PDB file of N, CA and C in Angstrom:
ATOM      1  N   UNK A   1      19.375  18.467 -10.876  1.00  0.00           N
ATOM      2  CA  UNK A   1      19.138  16.575 -11.543  1.00  0.00           C
ATOM      3  C   UNK A   1      18.118  15.790 -10.598  1.00  0.00           C
ATOM      4  N   UNK A   2      18.877  15.830  -9.361  1.00  0.00           N
ATOM      5  CA  UNK A   2      17.750  15.105  -8.097  1.00  0.00           C
ATOM      6  C   UNK A   2      16.314  15.988  -8.033  1.00  0.00           C
ATOM      7  N   UNK A   3      16.470  17.448  -8.118  1.00  0.00           N
ATOM      8  CA  UNK A   3      14.844  17.642  -8.663  1.00  0.00           C
ATOM      9  C   UNK A   3      13.823  17.052  -9.532  1.00  0.00           C
ATOM     10  N   UNK A   4      14.051  16.777 -10.550  1.00  0.00           N
ATOM     11  CA  UNK A   4      13.516  16.358 -11.697  1.00  0.00           C
ATOM     12  C   UNK A   4      13.652  15.002 -11.418  1.00  0.00           C
ATOM     13  N   UNK A   5      14.347  14.025 -10.931  1.00  0.00           N
ATOM     14  CA  UNK A   5      13.945  12.639 -10.077  1.00  0.00           C
ATOM     15  C   UNK A   5      13.153  12.604  -9.377  1.00  0.00           C
ATOM     16  N   UNK A   6      13.097  13.602  -8.288  1.00  0.00           N
ATOM     17  CA  UNK A   6      11.969  13.535  -7.489  1.00  0.00           C
ATOM     18  C   UNK A   6      10.862  14.340  -7.830  1.00  0.00           C
ATOM     19  N   UNK A   7      10.536  14.883  -9.242  1.00  0.00           N
ATOM     20  CA  UNK A   7       9.475  15.445  -9.369  1.00  0.00           C
ATOM     21  C   UNK A   7       9.054  14.215 -10.596  1.00  0.00           C
ATOM     22  N   UNK A   8       9.806  13.633 -10.934  1.00  0.00           N
ATOM     23  CA  UNK A   8       9.022  12.124 -11.449  1.00  0.00           C
ATOM     24  C   UNK A   8       8.445  11.432 -10.651  1.00  0.00           C
ATOM     25  N   UNK A   9       8.940  11.155  -9.143  1.00  0.00           N
ATOM     26  CA  UNK A   9       8.344  10.093  -8.676  1.00  0.00           C
ATOM     27  C   UNK A   9       7.521  10.329  -8.384  1.00  0.00           C
ATOM     28  N   UNK A  10       7.232  12.117  -7.739  1.00  0.00           N
ATOM     29  CA  UNK A  10       6.147  12.459  -7.186  1.00  0.00           C
ATOM     30  C   UNK A  10       4.829  12.781  -8.374  1.00  0.00           C
ATOM     31  N   UNK A  11       5.963  13.064  -9.561  1.00  0.00           N
ATOM     32  CA  UNK A  11       4.063  12.706 -10.826  1.00  0.00           C
ATOM     33  C   UNK A  11       3.411  11.743 -11.025  1.00  0.00           C
ATOM     34  N   UNK A  12       4.483  10.334 -10.893  1.00  0.00           N
ATOM     35  CA  UNK A  12       4.237   9.184 -10.983  1.00  0.00           C
ATOM     36  C   UNK A  12       2.898   9.027  -9.953  1.00  0.00           C
ATOM     37  N   UNK A  13       3.056   9.228  -8.771  1.00  0.00           N
ATOM     38  CA  UNK A  13       2.619   9.236  -7.425  1.00  0.00           C
ATOM     39  C   UNK A  13       1.260   9.580  -7.552  1.00  0.00           C
ATOM     40  N   UNK A  14       1.397  11.234  -7.927  1.00  0.00           N
ATOM     41  CA  UNK A  14       0.050  11.876  -7.848  1.00  0.00           C
ATOM     42  C   UNK A  14      -1.223  11.483  -9.226  1.00  0.00           C
ATOM     43  N   UNK A  15      -0.206  10.801 -10.442  1.00  0.00           N
ATOM     44  CA  UNK A  15      -1.313  10.672 -11.688  1.00  0.00           C
ATOM     45  C   UNK A  15      -1.765   9.178 -11.370  1.00  0.00           C
ATOM     46  N   UNK A  16      -1.348   8.567 -10.306  1.00  0.00           N
ATOM     47  CA  UNK A  16      -1.932   7.178 -10.309  1.00  0.00           C
ATOM     48  C   UNK A  16      -2.051   6.176 -11.498  1.00  0.00           C
ATOM     49  N   UNK A  17      -3.280   6.376 -11.440  1.00  0.00           N
ATOM     50  CA  UNK A  17      -3.717   4.851 -12.718  1.00  0.00           C
ATOM     51  C   UNK A  17      -3.365   5.306 -14.083  1.00  0.00           C
ATOM     52  N   UNK A  18      -3.944   6.930 -14.016  1.00  0.00           N
ATOM     53  CA  UNK A  18      -3.604   8.076 -15.396  1.00  0.00           C
ATOM     54  C   UNK A  18      -2.128   8.180 -15.250  1.00  0.00           C
ATOM     55  N   UNK A  19      -1.896   6.785 -16.280  1.00  0.00           N
ATOM     56  CA  UNK A  19      -0.252   7.384 -16.725  1.00  0.00           C
ATOM     57  C   UNK A  19      -0.201   8.279 -17.824  1.00  0.00           C
ATOM     58  N   UNK A  20      -1.148   9.097 -17.987  1.00  0.00           N
ATOM     59  CA  UNK A  20      -0.971  10.306 -18.964  1.00  0.00           C
ATOM     60  C   UNK A  20      -0.016  11.565 -19.005  1.00  0.00           C
ATOM     61  N   UNK A  21      -0.305  12.356 -19.686  1.00  0.00           N
ATOM     62  CA  UNK A  21       0.540  13.712 -19.739  1.00  0.00           C
ATOM     63  C   UNK A  21      -0.122  14.251 -18.094  1.00  0.00           C
ATOM     64  N   UNK A  22      -0.635  13.756 -17.551  1.00  0.00           N
ATOM     65  CA  UNK A  22      -0.883  14.616 -16.166  1.00  0.00           C
ATOM     66  C   UNK A  22      -0.108  14.407 -15.184  1.00  0.00           C
ATOM     67  N   UNK A  23       0.440  13.568 -14.956  1.00  0.00           N
ATOM     68  CA  UNK A  23       1.432  13.335 -14.207  1.00  0.00           C
ATOM     69  C   UNK A  23       3.299  13.800 -14.481  1.00  0.00           C
ATOM     70  N   UNK A  24       3.066  13.580 -15.573  1.00  0.00           N
ATOM     71  CA  UNK A  24       4.436  14.162 -16.579  1.00  0.00           C
ATOM     72  C   UNK A  24       4.102  15.963 -15.951  1.00  0.00           C
ATOM     73  N   UNK A  25       3.087  16.710 -16.362  1.00  0.00           N
ATOM     74  CA  UNK A  25       2.721  17.449 -15.949  1.00  0.00           C
ATOM     75  C   UNK A  25       3.084  17.800 -14.282  1.00  0.00           C
ATOM     76  N   UNK A  26       2.316  17.364 -13.421  1.00  0.00           N
ATOM     77  CA  UNK A  26       2.442  17.653 -12.500  1.00  0.00           C
ATOM     78  C   UNK A  26       3.910  17.206 -11.753  1.00  0.00           C
ATOM     79  N   UNK A  27       5.198  15.726 -12.020  1.00  0.00           N
ATOM     80  CA  UNK A  27       5.965  16.169 -11.813  1.00  0.00           C
ATOM     81  C   UNK A  27       6.897  17.293 -12.496  1.00  0.00           C
ATOM     82  N   UNK A  28       6.904  17.753 -13.575  1.00  0.00           N
ATOM     83  CA  UNK A  28       7.623  18.944 -14.214  1.00  0.00           C
ATOM     84  C   UNK A  28       6.924  19.888 -13.496  1.00  0.00           C
ATOM     85  N   UNK A  29       6.203  20.299 -12.701  1.00  0.00           N
ATOM     86  CA  UNK A  29       5.856  21.238 -11.427  1.00  0.00           C
ATOM     87  C   UNK A  29       6.300  21.612 -10.588  1.00  0.00           C
ATOM     88  N   UNK A  30       5.945  20.364  -9.889  1.00  0.00           N
ATOM     89  CA  UNK A  30       6.422  19.883  -8.077  1.00  0.00           C
ATOM     90  C   UNK A  30       7.896  20.496  -7.996  1.00  0.00           C
ATOM     91  N   UNK A  31       8.929  20.113  -8.664  1.00  0.00           N
ATOM     92  CA  UNK A  31       9.893  20.986  -7.886  1.00  0.00           C
ATOM     93  C   UNK A  31      10.214  22.599  -7.857  1.00  0.00           C
ATOM     94  N   UNK A  32       9.707  22.906  -9.054  1.00  0.00           N
ATOM     95  CA  UNK A  32       9.098  24.787  -8.720  1.00  0.00           C
ATOM     96  C   UNK A  32       8.610  25.211  -7.778  1.00  0.00           C
ATOM     97  N   UNK A  33       6.856  24.312  -7.212  1.00  0.00           N
ATOM     98  CA  UNK A  33       6.720  24.525  -6.215  1.00  0.00           C
ATOM     99  C   UNK A  33       7.155  24.522  -5.006  1.00  0.00           C
ATOM    100  N   UNK A  34       7.690  23.395  -5.091  1.00  0.00           N
ATOM    101  CA  UNK A  34       8.517  22.770  -3.583  1.00  0.00           C
ATOM    102  C   UNK A  34       9.350  23.820  -3.675  1.00  0.00           C
ATOM    103  N   UNK A  35      10.277  24.566  -4.578  1.00  0.00           N
ATOM    104  CA  UNK A  35      11.427  25.668  -4.225  1.00  0.00           C
ATOM    105  C   UNK A  35      10.939  27.190  -3.818  1.00  0.00           C
ATOM    106  N   UNK A  36       9.439  27.576  -4.731  1.00  0.00           N
ATOM    107  CA  UNK A  36       8.893  28.425  -4.099  1.00  0.00           C
ATOM    108  C   UNK A  36       8.148  28.588  -2.939  1.00  0.00           C
ATOM    109  N   UNK A  37       7.625  27.715  -2.532  1.00  0.00           N
ATOM    110  CA  UNK A  37       6.261  27.563  -2.135  1.00  0.00           C
ATOM    111  C   UNK A  37       6.766  26.739  -0.420  1.00  0.00           C
ATOM    112  N   UNK A  38       7.725  25.939  -0.235  1.00  0.00           N
ATOM    113  CA  UNK A  38       7.718  25.776   0.781  1.00  0.00           C
ATOM    114  C   UNK A  38       8.758  26.410   1.773  1.00  0.00           C
ATOM    115  N   UNK A  39       9.277  27.537   1.350  1.00  0.00           N
ATOM    116  CA  UNK A  39      10.056  28.023   2.149  1.00  0.00           C
ATOM    117  C   UNK A  39       8.991  29.012   3.245  1.00  0.00           C
ATOM    118  N   UNK A  40       8.468  29.677   2.690  1.00  0.00           N
ATOM    119  CA  UNK A  40       7.289  30.300   3.601  1.00  0.00           C
ATOM    120  C   UNK A  40       6.453  29.427   4.052  1.00  0.00           C
ATOM    121  N   UNK A  41       5.854  28.445   3.703  1.00  0.00           N
ATOM    122  CA  UNK A  41       5.215  27.590   4.007  1.00  0.00           C
ATOM    123  C   UNK A  41       5.710  26.599   4.713  1.00  0.00           C
ATOM    124  N   UNK A  42       7.000  26.125   5.118  1.00  0.00           N
ATOM    125  CA  UNK A  42       8.121  25.906   5.777  1.00  0.00           C
ATOM    126  C   UNK A  42       7.815  26.376   7.257  1.00  0.00           C
ATOM    127  N   UNK A  43       8.283  27.650   7.201  1.00  0.00           N
ATOM    128  CA  UNK A  43       8.394  28.524   8.193  1.00  0.00           C
ATOM    129  C   UNK A  43       6.942  28.848   8.856  1.00  0.00           C
ATOM    130  N   UNK A  44       5.955  28.990   8.273  1.00  0.00           N
ATOM    131  CA  UNK A  44       4.661  28.773   9.096  1.00  0.00           C
ATOM    132  C   UNK A  44       4.493  27.515   9.633  1.00  0.00           C
ATOM    133  N   UNK A  45       4.533  26.380   9.248  1.00  0.00           N
ATOM    134  CA  UNK A  45       4.610  25.032   9.893  1.00  0.00           C
ATOM    135  C   UNK A  45       5.683  25.234  11.326  1.00  0.00           C
ATOM    136  N   UNK A  46       6.802  25.465  10.740  1.00  0.00           N
ATOM    137  CA  UNK A  46       7.621  25.823  12.082  1.00  0.00           C
ATOM    138  C   UNK A  46       7.160  26.552  12.908  1.00  0.00           C
ATOM    139  N   UNK A  47       6.548  27.658  13.114  1.00  0.00           N
ATOM    140  CA  UNK A  47       6.612  28.575  14.044  1.00  0.00           C
ATOM    141  C   UNK A  47       5.212  27.873  14.306  1.00  0.00           C
ATOM    142  N   UNK A  48       4.398  27.170  13.753  1.00  0.00           N
ATOM    143  CA  UNK A  48       3.052  26.922  14.793  1.00  0.00           C
ATOM    144  C   UNK A  48       3.497  25.706  15.543  1.00  0.00           C
ATOM    145  N   UNK A  49       4.298  24.969  15.039  1.00  0.00           N
ATOM    146  CA  UNK A  49       4.762  23.709  15.799  1.00  0.00           C
ATOM    147  C   UNK A  49       5.659  24.314  17.075  1.00  0.00           C
ATOM    148  N   UNK A  50       6.494  25.470  16.970  1.00  0.00           N
ATOM    149  CA  UNK A  50       6.547  25.760  17.730  1.00  0.00           C
ATOM    150  C   UNK A  50       5.775  26.268  19.053  1.00  0.00           C
ATOM    151  N   UNK A  51       4.977  27.111  18.675  1.00  0.00           N
ATOM    152  CA  UNK A  51       3.942  27.561  19.279  1.00  0.00           C
ATOM    153  C   UNK A  51       3.324  26.553  19.967  1.00  0.00           C
ATOM    154  N   UNK A  52       2.590  25.595  19.500  1.00  0.00           N
ATOM    155  CA  UNK A  52       2.001  24.493  20.147  1.00  0.00           C
ATOM    156  C   UNK A  52       2.644  23.673  21.303  1.00  0.00           C
ATOM    157  N   UNK A  53       4.330  23.392  21.583  1.00  0.00           N
ATOM    158  CA  UNK A  53       5.029  23.577  22.344  1.00  0.00           C
ATOM    159  C   UNK A  53       5.042  24.534  23.278  1.00  0.00           C
ATOM    160  N   UNK A  54       5.291  25.406  23.254  1.00  0.00           N
ATOM    161  CA  UNK A  54       5.554  26.373  24.210  1.00  0.00           C
ATOM    162  C   UNK A  54       3.698  26.574  24.496  1.00  0.00           C
ATOM    163  N   UNK A  55       2.644  26.221  24.412  1.00  0.00           N
ATOM    164  CA  UNK A  55       1.320  26.443  24.628  1.00  0.00           C
ATOM    165  C   UNK A  55       0.804  24.851  25.602  1.00  0.00           C
ATOM    166  N   UNK A  56       1.837  23.584  25.207  1.00  0.00           N
ATOM    167  CA  UNK A  56       1.317  22.769  25.911  1.00  0.00           C
ATOM    168  C   UNK A  56       2.007  22.918  27.523  1.00  0.00           C
ATOM    169  N   UNK A  57       3.693  23.351  27.044  1.00  0.00           N
ATOM    170  CA  UNK A  57       4.895  23.423  28.059  1.00  0.00           C
ATOM    171  C   UNK A  57       3.827  24.164  29.190  1.00  0.00           C
ATOM    172  N   UNK A  58       3.028  25.892  28.689  1.00  0.00           N
ATOM    173  CA  UNK A  58       2.542  26.548  29.962  1.00  0.00           C
ATOM    174  C   UNK A  58       1.163  25.978  30.664  1.00  0.00           C
ATOM    175  N   UNK A  59       0.539  25.088  29.577  1.00  0.00           N
ATOM    176  CA  UNK A  59      -0.301  23.774  30.348  1.00  0.00           C
ATOM    177  C   UNK A  59      -0.252  23.227  30.964  1.00  0.00           C
ATOM    178  N   UNK A  60       1.059  22.400  31.216  1.00  0.00           N
ATOM    179  CA  UNK A  60       1.314  21.480  32.068  1.00  0.00           C
ATOM    180  C   UNK A  60       2.072  21.896  33.316  1.00  0.00           C
ATOM    181  N   UNK A  61       2.473  23.070  32.623  1.00  0.00           N
ATOM    182  CA  UNK A  61       2.999  23.790  34.395  1.00  0.00           C
ATOM    183  C   UNK A  61       1.852  24.270  35.283  1.00  0.00           C
ATOM    184  N   UNK A  62       1.133  24.984  34.622  1.00  0.00           N
ATOM    185  CA  UNK A  62      -0.144  25.049  35.260  1.00  0.00           C
ATOM    186  C   UNK A  62      -1.283  24.062  35.694  1.00  0.00           C
ATOM    187  N   UNK A  63      -1.210  23.125  35.260  1.00  0.00           N
ATOM    188  CA  UNK A  63      -1.892  21.825  36.142  1.00  0.00           C
ATOM    189  C   UNK A  63      -1.126  21.341  36.885  1.00  0.00           C
ATOM    190  N   UNK A  64       0.198  21.569  36.962  1.00  0.00           N
ATOM    191  CA  UNK A  64       1.386  20.709  38.310  1.00  0.00           C
ATOM    192  C   UNK A  64       1.267  21.534  39.293  1.00  0.00           C
ATOM    193  N   UNK A  65       0.363  22.807  39.079  1.00  0.00           N
ATOM    194  CA  UNK A  65       0.972  23.665  40.164  1.00  0.00           C
ATOM    195  C   UNK A  65      -1.086  23.400  41.108  1.00  0.00           C
TER     196      UNK A  65
END
């Protein structure tokens, strides 16, 4: 039920002034896309974030030396 509420909010925001069927369709599809797509995408984003932190620390240590 929470996914449907969030989907409706996302659909309303994405549709903008076109309060037609597009917003309803996007709101219906948003939870399914989030459920299937955010797992691998989230993992990829988290890995990139960690890699950036590691590289920044290495660069800072080399600059300090």
